[in-house]
Amino acid sequence: MSQKLDIEFARVEEALVAARLRPLSSRKTLLAAVLLDNFCDQAFDALRRSPPARVFDAEDVLAFRDRLRAQEPALGLIFDLCASAPGGPRLETHAVAVPIEEYGGLSIEDFMVSLYNANTVQRVVFAMEDGSMQLAHEVLGKAMAYLSKSFFQET
């Protein structure tokens, strides 16, 4: 892996940490998503002269992105968000239920909010056209884990 790609991936990691520190910030969440989207293009550019398997035998960046989307659906959500795809996801803030068994992982602030709001806390979510939602930081985390495993761990 190139040093430049390592630096770019670290930039994405930093943006995701910043977004997690501000769980209600759509702006920080969007920045992490845009950097993830851009990293995929940078990865293709850095690896396209490598053996074809490194880019999933993709002949161009669009085919590479399609293959990434097929391998990790979280990346597809991020690609659609960043492209402002018609019918694609949007970032919104919604009340999200917190199961009692997960209360130990809440900050004091979130715990107090949940007590007065029927076991819910506000979170940034990927809101789909069909009304379904996915927690934004979970989507970003899945995408990061996939990219880390695919491009930075020796097999």
N, C-alpha and C. Protein backbone atom coordinates (compact mmCIF):
# COMPACT_ATOMS: atom_id res chain seq x y z
N MET A 1 0.85 -1.17 0.00
CA MET A 1 0.00 0.00 0.00
C MET A 1 0.90 1.24 0.00
N SER A 2 0.46 2.25 -0.70
CA SER A 2 1.28 3.46 -0.80
C SER A 2 1.16 4.30 0.47
N GLN A 3 2.21 5.06 0.71
CA GLN A 3 2.21 5.93 1.88
C GLN A 3 1.10 6.97 1.76
N LYS A 4 0.86 7.46 0.54
CA LYS A 4 -0.20 8.44 0.32
C LYS A 4 -1.56 7.86 0.70
N LEU A 5 -1.81 6.62 0.33
CA LEU A 5 -3.08 5.97 0.66
C LEU A 5 -3.20 5.76 2.17
N ASP A 6 -2.09 5.42 2.81
CA ASP A 6 -2.09 5.29 4.27
C ASP A 6 -2.50 6.62 4.93
N ILE A 7 -1.97 7.71 4.43
CA ILE A 7 -2.26 9.03 4.98
C ILE A 7 -3.73 9.38 4.77
N GLU A 8 -4.24 9.08 3.58
CA GLU A 8 -5.64 9.37 3.28
C GLU A 8 -6.57 8.54 4.16
N PHE A 9 -6.22 7.28 4.38
CA PHE A 9 -7.05 6.43 5.24
C PHE A 9 -7.03 6.95 6.67
N ALA A 10 -5.88 7.41 7.13
CA ALA A 10 -5.79 8.00 8.47
C ALA A 10 -6.67 9.24 8.58
N ARG A 11 -6.75 10.00 7.51
CA ARG A 11 -7.61 11.19 7.50
C ARG A 11 -9.08 10.78 7.66
N VAL A 12 -9.47 9.71 6.98
CA VAL A 12 -10.84 9.21 7.12
C VAL A 12 -11.09 8.74 8.56
N GLU A 13 -10.12 8.01 9.11
CA GLU A 13 -10.26 7.54 10.50
C GLU A 13 -10.43 8.71 11.46
N GLU A 14 -9.65 9.76 11.27
CA GLU A 14 -9.75 10.95 12.13
C GLU A 14 -11.13 11.60 12.01
N ALA A 15 -11.64 11.67 10.80
CA ALA A 15 -12.97 12.27 10.60
C ALA A 15 -14.05 11.43 11.27
N LEU A 16 -13.91 10.12 11.22
CA LEU A 16 -14.89 9.25 11.87
C LEU A 16 -14.83 9.39 13.39
N VAL A 17 -13.64 9.50 13.94
CA VAL A 17 -13.50 9.73 15.39
C VAL A 17 -14.16 11.05 15.76
N ALA A 18 -13.93 12.08 14.98
CA ALA A 18 -14.53 13.39 15.26
C ALA A 18 -16.05 13.32 15.18
N ALA A 19 -16.57 12.57 14.22
CA ALA A 19 -18.02 12.42 14.10
C ALA A 19 -18.59 11.67 15.30
N ARG A 20 -17.90 10.65 15.75
CA ARG A 20 -18.39 9.88 16.91
C ARG A 20 -18.36 10.71 18.19
N LEU A 21 -17.42 11.65 18.27
CA LEU A 21 -17.36 12.52 19.45
C LEU A 21 -18.51 13.53 19.45
N ARG A 22 -19.10 13.75 18.31
CA ARG A 22 -20.24 14.67 18.16
C ARG A 22 -21.39 13.91 17.52
N PRO A 23 -22.04 13.02 18.28
CA PRO A 23 -23.03 12.11 17.69
C PRO A 23 -24.26 12.79 17.09
N LEU A 24 -24.45 14.09 17.35
CA LEU A 24 -25.59 14.80 16.77
C LEU A 24 -25.18 15.68 15.60
N SER A 25 -23.92 15.64 15.20
CA SER A 25 -23.43 16.50 14.13
C SER A 25 -23.56 15.83 12.76
N SER A 26 -24.57 16.26 12.02
CA SER A 26 -24.72 15.77 10.64
C SER A 26 -23.54 16.23 9.79
N ARG A 27 -23.04 17.40 10.08
CA ARG A 27 -21.93 17.95 9.30
C ARG A 27 -20.67 17.10 9.44
N LYS A 28 -20.33 16.72 10.65
CA LYS A 28 -19.14 15.89 10.86
C LYS A 28 -19.36 14.49 10.29
N THR A 29 -20.57 13.98 10.40
CA THR A 29 -20.89 12.68 9.83
C THR A 29 -20.79 12.73 8.31
N LEU A 30 -21.30 13.80 7.72
CA LEU A 30 -21.21 13.94 6.26
C LEU A 30 -19.76 14.06 5.81
N LEU A 31 -18.94 14.78 6.56
CA LEU A 31 -17.52 14.88 6.20
C LEU A 31 -16.87 13.50 6.18
N ALA A 32 -17.13 12.70 7.20
CA ALA A 32 -16.56 11.35 7.23
C ALA A 32 -17.04 10.53 6.03
N ALA A 33 -18.32 10.66 5.68
CA ALA A 33 -18.87 9.93 4.54
C ALA A 33 -18.21 10.37 3.23
N VAL A 34 -18.04 11.67 3.05
CA VAL A 34 -17.43 12.19 1.82
C VAL A 34 -15.97 11.73 1.73
N LEU A 35 -15.26 11.75 2.84
CA LEU A 35 -13.86 11.29 2.81
C LEU A 35 -13.78 9.80 2.51
N LEU A 36 -14.71 9.01 3.03
CA LEU A 36 -14.76 7.58 2.71
C LEU A 36 -15.03 7.38 1.23
N ASP A 37 -15.99 8.10 0.70
CA ASP A 37 -16.33 8.02 -0.72
C ASP A 37 -15.10 8.35 -1.57
N ASN A 38 -14.43 9.42 -1.23
CA ASN A 38 -13.25 9.85 -1.97
C ASN A 38 -12.10 8.86 -1.83
N PHE A 39 -11.96 8.26 -0.65
CA PHE A 39 -10.89 7.29 -0.45
C PHE A 39 -11.02 6.13 -1.43
N CYS A 40 -12.23 5.71 -1.72
CA CYS A 40 -12.42 4.59 -2.66
C CYS A 40 -11.87 4.94 -4.04
N ASP A 41 -12.08 6.17 -4.48
CA ASP A 41 -11.50 6.60 -5.76
C ASP A 41 -9.98 6.63 -5.69
N GLN A 42 -9.46 7.11 -4.57
CA GLN A 42 -8.01 7.16 -4.40
C GLN A 42 -7.41 5.76 -4.36
N ALA A 43 -8.11 4.83 -3.73
CA ALA A 43 -7.63 3.45 -3.66
C ALA A 43 -7.55 2.85 -5.07
N PHE A 44 -8.57 3.09 -5.87
CA PHE A 44 -8.53 2.56 -7.24
C PHE A 44 -7.35 3.16 -7.99
N ASP A 45 -7.19 4.46 -7.88
CA ASP A 45 -6.10 5.13 -8.59
C ASP A 45 -4.74 4.57 -8.16
N ALA A 46 -4.57 4.33 -6.87
CA ALA A 46 -3.29 3.83 -6.36
C ALA A 46 -3.04 2.37 -6.72
N LEU A 47 -4.11 1.59 -6.87
CA LEU A 47 -3.96 0.15 -7.05
C LEU A 47 -4.22 -0.35 -8.47
N ARG A 48 -4.65 0.50 -9.37
CA ARG A 48 -5.05 0.02 -10.69
C ARG A 48 -3.92 -0.57 -11.51
N ARG A 49 -2.70 -0.26 -11.17
CA ARG A 49 -1.56 -0.85 -11.89
C ARG A 49 -1.05 -2.11 -11.18
N SER A 50 -1.69 -2.47 -10.09
CA SER A 50 -1.37 -3.69 -9.35
C SER A 50 -2.01 -4.88 -10.06
N PRO A 51 -1.79 -6.07 -9.54
CA PRO A 51 -2.51 -7.21 -10.12
C PRO A 51 -4.02 -6.94 -10.09
N PRO A 52 -4.74 -7.35 -11.13
CA PRO A 52 -6.18 -7.03 -11.24
C PRO A 52 -7.02 -7.42 -10.02
N ALA A 53 -6.63 -8.45 -9.31
CA ALA A 53 -7.40 -8.87 -8.14
C ALA A 53 -7.43 -7.78 -7.07
N ARG A 54 -6.42 -6.93 -7.00
CA ARG A 54 -6.36 -5.87 -5.99
C ARG A 54 -7.49 -4.86 -6.17
N VAL A 55 -8.00 -4.73 -7.42
CA VAL A 55 -9.12 -3.83 -7.69
C VAL A 55 -10.35 -4.63 -8.13
N PHE A 56 -10.40 -5.89 -7.69
CA PHE A 56 -11.54 -6.78 -7.98
C PHE A 56 -11.79 -6.91 -9.48
N ASP A 57 -10.70 -6.92 -10.26
CA ASP A 57 -10.75 -7.05 -11.72
C ASP A 57 -11.55 -5.94 -12.39
N ALA A 58 -11.66 -4.80 -11.75
CA ALA A 58 -12.40 -3.67 -12.32
C ALA A 58 -11.55 -2.96 -13.37
N GLU A 59 -12.19 -2.63 -14.47
CA GLU A 59 -11.48 -1.95 -15.56
C GLU A 59 -11.45 -0.43 -15.39
N ASP A 60 -12.36 0.12 -14.57
CA ASP A 60 -12.36 1.56 -14.32
C ASP A 60 -12.92 1.82 -12.92
N VAL A 61 -12.89 3.08 -12.51
CA VAL A 61 -13.27 3.42 -11.15
C VAL A 61 -14.76 3.14 -10.88
N LEU A 62 -15.60 3.30 -11.90
CA LEU A 62 -17.02 3.03 -11.70
C LEU A 62 -17.28 1.54 -11.45
N ALA A 63 -16.59 0.70 -12.21
CA ALA A 63 -16.72 -0.75 -11.99
C ALA A 63 -16.16 -1.12 -10.62
N PHE A 64 -15.08 -0.48 -10.23
CA PHE A 64 -14.49 -0.72 -8.90
C PHE A 64 -15.49 -0.38 -7.80
N ARG A 65 -16.13 0.78 -7.94
CA ARG A 65 -17.11 1.20 -6.94
C ARG A 65 -18.31 0.25 -6.92
N ASP A 66 -18.72 -0.23 -8.08
CA ASP A 66 -19.82 -1.22 -8.12
C ASP A 66 -19.43 -2.49 -7.38
N ARG A 67 -18.19 -2.91 -7.54
CA ARG A 67 -17.74 -4.12 -6.85
C ARG A 67 -17.65 -3.89 -5.34
N LEU A 68 -17.19 -2.70 -4.94
CA LEU A 68 -17.17 -2.38 -3.51
C LEU A 68 -18.59 -2.37 -2.94
N ARG A 69 -19.52 -1.79 -3.68
CA ARG A 69 -20.93 -1.73 -3.27
C ARG A 69 -21.48 -3.14 -3.07
N ALA A 70 -21.14 -4.03 -3.99
CA ALA A 70 -21.63 -5.42 -3.90
C ALA A 70 -21.00 -6.14 -2.71
N GLN A 71 -19.74 -5.84 -2.40
CA GLN A 71 -19.05 -6.50 -1.29
C GLN A 71 -19.49 -5.98 0.07
N GLU A 72 -19.76 -4.68 0.16
CA GLU A 72 -20.14 -4.07 1.45
C GLU A 72 -21.27 -3.06 1.22
N PRO A 73 -22.51 -3.44 1.52
CA PRO A 73 -23.66 -2.55 1.29
C PRO A 73 -23.53 -1.18 1.96
N ALA A 74 -22.80 -1.09 3.06
CA ALA A 74 -22.61 0.21 3.72
C ALA A 74 -21.93 1.19 2.76
N LEU A 75 -20.99 0.69 1.96
CA LEU A 75 -20.35 1.57 0.98
C LEU A 75 -21.35 2.06 -0.06
N GLY A 76 -22.28 1.21 -0.44
CA GLY A 76 -23.32 1.63 -1.38
C GLY A 76 -24.16 2.78 -0.82
N LEU A 77 -24.50 2.69 0.47
CA LEU A 77 -25.25 3.78 1.10
C LEU A 77 -24.44 5.07 1.09
N ILE A 78 -23.16 4.95 1.38
CA ILE A 78 -22.29 6.13 1.39
C ILE A 78 -22.16 6.71 -0.01
N PHE A 79 -21.95 5.87 -1.01
CA PHE A 79 -21.85 6.35 -2.39
C PHE A 79 -23.13 7.08 -2.80
N ASP A 80 -24.29 6.51 -2.46
CA ASP A 80 -25.56 7.13 -2.83
C ASP A 80 -25.78 8.45 -2.10
N LEU A 81 -25.41 8.50 -0.82
CA LEU A 81 -25.52 9.74 -0.06
C LEU A 81 -24.67 10.83 -0.69
N CYS A 82 -23.41 10.51 -0.97
CA CYS A 82 -22.48 11.51 -1.49
C CYS A 82 -22.82 11.95 -2.91
N ALA A 83 -23.49 11.08 -3.66
CA ALA A 83 -23.89 11.43 -5.03
C ALA A 83 -25.24 12.14 -5.05
N SER A 84 -25.87 12.28 -3.89
CA SER A 84 -27.24 12.82 -3.82
C SER A 84 -28.14 12.08 -4.80
N ALA A 85 -28.02 10.76 -4.80
CA ALA A 85 -28.77 9.92 -5.73
C ALA A 85 -30.27 10.08 -5.50
N PRO A 86 -31.05 10.22 -6.60
CA PRO A 86 -32.51 10.29 -6.44
C PRO A 86 -33.01 9.05 -5.71
N GLY A 87 -33.81 9.25 -4.70
CA GLY A 87 -34.31 8.12 -3.92
C GLY A 87 -33.29 7.55 -2.97
N GLY A 88 -32.10 8.14 -2.93
CA GLY A 88 -31.05 7.65 -2.06
C GLY A 88 -31.20 8.14 -0.63
N PRO A 89 -30.31 7.72 0.22
CA PRO A 89 -30.41 8.11 1.64
C PRO A 89 -30.08 9.57 1.88
N ARG A 90 -30.58 10.06 3.01
CA ARG A 90 -30.27 11.41 3.49
C ARG A 90 -29.81 11.28 4.93
N LEU A 91 -29.01 12.21 5.38
CA LEU A 91 -28.65 12.24 6.80
C LEU A 91 -29.71 13.05 7.53
N GLU A 92 -30.25 12.46 8.60
CA GLU A 92 -31.24 13.13 9.42
C GLU A 92 -30.95 12.78 10.88
N THR A 93 -31.50 13.60 11.77
CA THR A 93 -31.39 13.31 13.20
C THR A 93 -32.74 12.82 13.68
N HIS A 94 -32.74 11.65 14.33
CA HIS A 94 -33.97 11.03 14.81
C HIS A 94 -33.76 10.48 16.21
N ALA A 95 -34.87 10.33 16.92
CA ALA A 95 -34.85 9.64 18.21
C ALA A 95 -34.72 8.14 17.92
N VAL A 96 -33.78 7.51 18.58
CA VAL A 96 -33.51 6.09 18.38
C VAL A 96 -33.63 5.40 19.73
N ALA A 97 -34.37 4.30 19.75
CA ALA A 97 -34.55 3.54 20.99
C ALA A 97 -33.23 2.89 21.41
N VAL A 98 -32.99 2.92 22.71
CA VAL A 98 -31.80 2.27 23.28
C VAL A 98 -32.29 1.12 24.17
N PRO A 99 -31.96 -0.12 23.79
CA PRO A 99 -32.36 -1.24 24.65
C PRO A 99 -31.70 -1.11 26.02
N ILE A 100 -32.42 -1.51 27.02
CA ILE A 100 -31.93 -1.40 28.40
C ILE A 100 -30.55 -2.06 28.55
N GLU A 101 -30.33 -3.20 27.91
CA GLU A 101 -29.04 -3.90 28.05
C GLU A 101 -27.88 -3.10 27.47
N GLU A 102 -28.15 -2.07 26.66
CA GLU A 102 -27.09 -1.24 26.09
C GLU A 102 -26.86 0.05 26.86
N TYR A 103 -27.58 0.24 27.94
CA TYR A 103 -27.45 1.47 28.73
C TYR A 103 -26.04 1.67 29.27
N GLY A 104 -25.34 0.58 29.57
CA GLY A 104 -23.99 0.69 30.10
C GLY A 104 -23.03 1.38 29.14
N GLY A 105 -23.33 1.37 27.85
CA GLY A 105 -22.47 2.00 26.85
C GLY A 105 -22.80 3.46 26.58
N LEU A 106 -23.85 3.97 27.21
CA LEU A 106 -24.24 5.37 26.99
C LEU A 106 -23.39 6.32 27.83
N SER A 107 -23.19 7.50 27.29
CA SER A 107 -22.57 8.55 28.11
C SER A 107 -23.58 8.98 29.16
N ILE A 108 -23.11 9.67 30.18
CA ILE A 108 -24.01 10.16 31.23
C ILE A 108 -25.08 11.06 30.62
N GLU A 109 -24.67 11.91 29.67
CA GLU A 109 -25.62 12.83 29.03
C GLU A 109 -26.72 12.05 28.30
N ASP A 110 -26.31 11.06 27.50
CA ASP A 110 -27.30 10.27 26.77
C ASP A 110 -28.18 9.47 27.72
N PHE A 111 -27.59 8.95 28.78
CA PHE A 111 -28.37 8.21 29.77
C PHE A 111 -29.48 9.09 30.35
N MET A 112 -29.12 10.30 30.73
CA MET A 112 -30.11 11.21 31.32
C MET A 112 -31.19 11.57 30.30
N VAL A 113 -30.79 11.83 29.07
CA VAL A 113 -31.77 12.14 28.02
C VAL A 113 -32.72 10.97 27.82
N SER A 114 -32.18 9.76 27.79
CA SER A 114 -33.01 8.58 27.54
C SER A 114 -34.03 8.35 28.66
N LEU A 115 -33.66 8.69 29.88
CA LEU A 115 -34.59 8.51 31.01
C LEU A 115 -35.85 9.36 30.85
N TYR A 116 -35.68 10.54 30.27
CA TYR A 116 -36.81 11.46 30.13
C TYR A 116 -37.46 11.40 28.76
N ASN A 117 -36.96 10.53 27.89
CA ASN A 117 -37.49 10.45 26.52
C ASN A 117 -37.82 9.02 26.11
N ALA A 118 -38.43 8.29 27.00
CA ALA A 118 -38.91 6.94 26.70
C ALA A 118 -37.82 6.04 26.12
N ASN A 119 -36.67 6.04 26.74
CA ASN A 119 -35.54 5.19 26.36
C ASN A 119 -35.03 5.47 24.95
N THR A 120 -35.07 6.73 24.54
CA THR A 120 -34.54 7.11 23.23
C THR A 120 -33.48 8.19 23.38
N VAL A 121 -32.59 8.23 22.40
CA VAL A 121 -31.61 9.31 22.28
C VAL A 121 -31.60 9.77 20.83
N GLN A 122 -31.19 10.99 20.62
CA GLN A 122 -31.09 11.52 19.27
C GLN A 122 -29.81 11.01 18.62
N ARG A 123 -29.89 10.61 17.36
CA ARG A 123 -28.73 10.14 16.61
C ARG A 123 -28.87 10.53 15.14
N VAL A 124 -27.74 10.68 14.48
CA VAL A 124 -27.73 10.90 13.04
C VAL A 124 -27.93 9.54 12.38
N VAL A 125 -28.85 9.51 11.43
CA VAL A 125 -29.15 8.25 10.74
C VAL A 125 -29.12 8.46 9.23
N PHE A 126 -28.92 7.36 8.52
CA PHE A 126 -29.17 7.33 7.08
C PHE A 126 -30.67 7.07 6.96
N ALA A 127 -31.41 8.04 6.47
CA ALA A 127 -32.86 7.90 6.30
C ALA A 127 -33.14 7.53 4.85
N MET A 128 -33.83 6.41 4.65
CA MET A 128 -34.12 5.92 3.31
C MET A 128 -35.49 6.42 2.86
N GLU A 129 -35.67 6.40 1.57
CA GLU A 129 -36.93 6.85 0.99
C GLU A 129 -38.12 6.02 1.49
N ASP A 130 -37.89 4.75 1.79
CA ASP A 130 -38.97 3.88 2.25
C ASP A 130 -39.29 4.06 3.74
N GLY A 131 -38.61 4.99 4.40
CA GLY A 131 -38.85 5.26 5.81
C GLY A 131 -37.94 4.51 6.76
N SER A 132 -37.18 3.55 6.25
CA SER A 132 -36.25 2.82 7.12
C SER A 132 -35.05 3.71 7.45
N MET A 133 -34.36 3.35 8.51
CA MET A 133 -33.21 4.12 8.96
C MET A 133 -32.10 3.17 9.39
N GLN A 134 -30.86 3.65 9.25
CA GLN A 134 -29.70 2.95 9.80
C GLN A 134 -28.84 3.99 10.51
N LEU A 135 -28.33 3.63 11.68
CA LEU A 135 -27.47 4.56 12.41
C LEU A 135 -26.27 4.91 11.55
N ALA A 136 -26.04 6.19 11.36
CA ALA A 136 -24.97 6.64 10.47
C ALA A 136 -23.60 6.16 10.90
N HIS A 137 -23.30 6.23 12.20
CA HIS A 137 -21.97 5.84 12.64
C HIS A 137 -21.75 4.34 12.50
N GLU A 138 -22.81 3.55 12.57
CA GLU A 138 -22.68 2.11 12.33
C GLU A 138 -22.38 1.85 10.85
N VAL A 139 -23.06 2.58 9.95
CA VAL A 139 -22.81 2.43 8.51
C VAL A 139 -21.36 2.80 8.20
N LEU A 140 -20.92 3.93 8.72
CA LEU A 140 -19.55 4.37 8.48
C LEU A 140 -18.54 3.37 9.06
N GLY A 141 -18.84 2.85 10.23
CA GLY A 141 -17.95 1.87 10.86
C GLY A 141 -17.83 0.59 10.05
N LYS A 142 -18.94 0.11 9.50
CA LYS A 142 -18.90 -1.09 8.65
C LYS A 142 -18.06 -0.84 7.41
N ALA A 143 -18.23 0.32 6.81
CA ALA A 143 -17.45 0.65 5.61
C ALA A 143 -15.96 0.73 5.94
N MET A 144 -15.63 1.36 7.05
CA MET A 144 -14.22 1.47 7.45
C MET A 144 -13.62 0.10 7.71
N ALA A 145 -14.35 -0.75 8.42
CA ALA A 145 -13.85 -2.09 8.74
C ALA A 145 -13.60 -2.87 7.45
N TYR A 146 -14.51 -2.76 6.50
CA TYR A 146 -14.35 -3.48 5.23
C TYR A 146 -13.11 -2.96 4.48
N LEU A 147 -12.97 -1.65 4.38
CA LEU A 147 -11.84 -1.08 3.66
C LEU A 147 -10.52 -1.43 4.34
N SER A 148 -10.50 -1.39 5.66
CA SER A 148 -9.29 -1.73 6.40
C SER A 148 -8.90 -3.19 6.12
N LYS A 149 -9.87 -4.08 6.20
CA LYS A 149 -9.61 -5.50 5.96
C LYS A 149 -9.17 -5.75 4.51
N SER A 150 -9.82 -5.06 3.58
CA SER A 150 -9.56 -5.30 2.15
C SER A 150 -8.24 -4.72 1.66
N PHE A 151 -7.84 -3.59 2.21
CA PHE A 151 -6.69 -2.90 1.65
C PHE A 151 -5.48 -2.77 2.57
N PHE A 152 -5.66 -3.04 3.87
CA PHE A 152 -4.56 -2.78 4.78
C PHE A 152 -4.12 -3.98 5.60
N GLN A 153 -4.82 -5.09 5.50
CA GLN A 153 -4.40 -6.29 6.23
C GLN A 153 -3.87 -7.31 5.26
N GLU A 154 -2.71 -7.81 5.56
CA GLU A 154 -2.11 -8.84 4.72
C GLU A 154 -2.90 -10.13 4.89
N THR A 155 -3.13 -10.82 3.77
CA THR A 155 -3.87 -12.09 3.85
C THR A 155 -2.94 -13.26 3.68
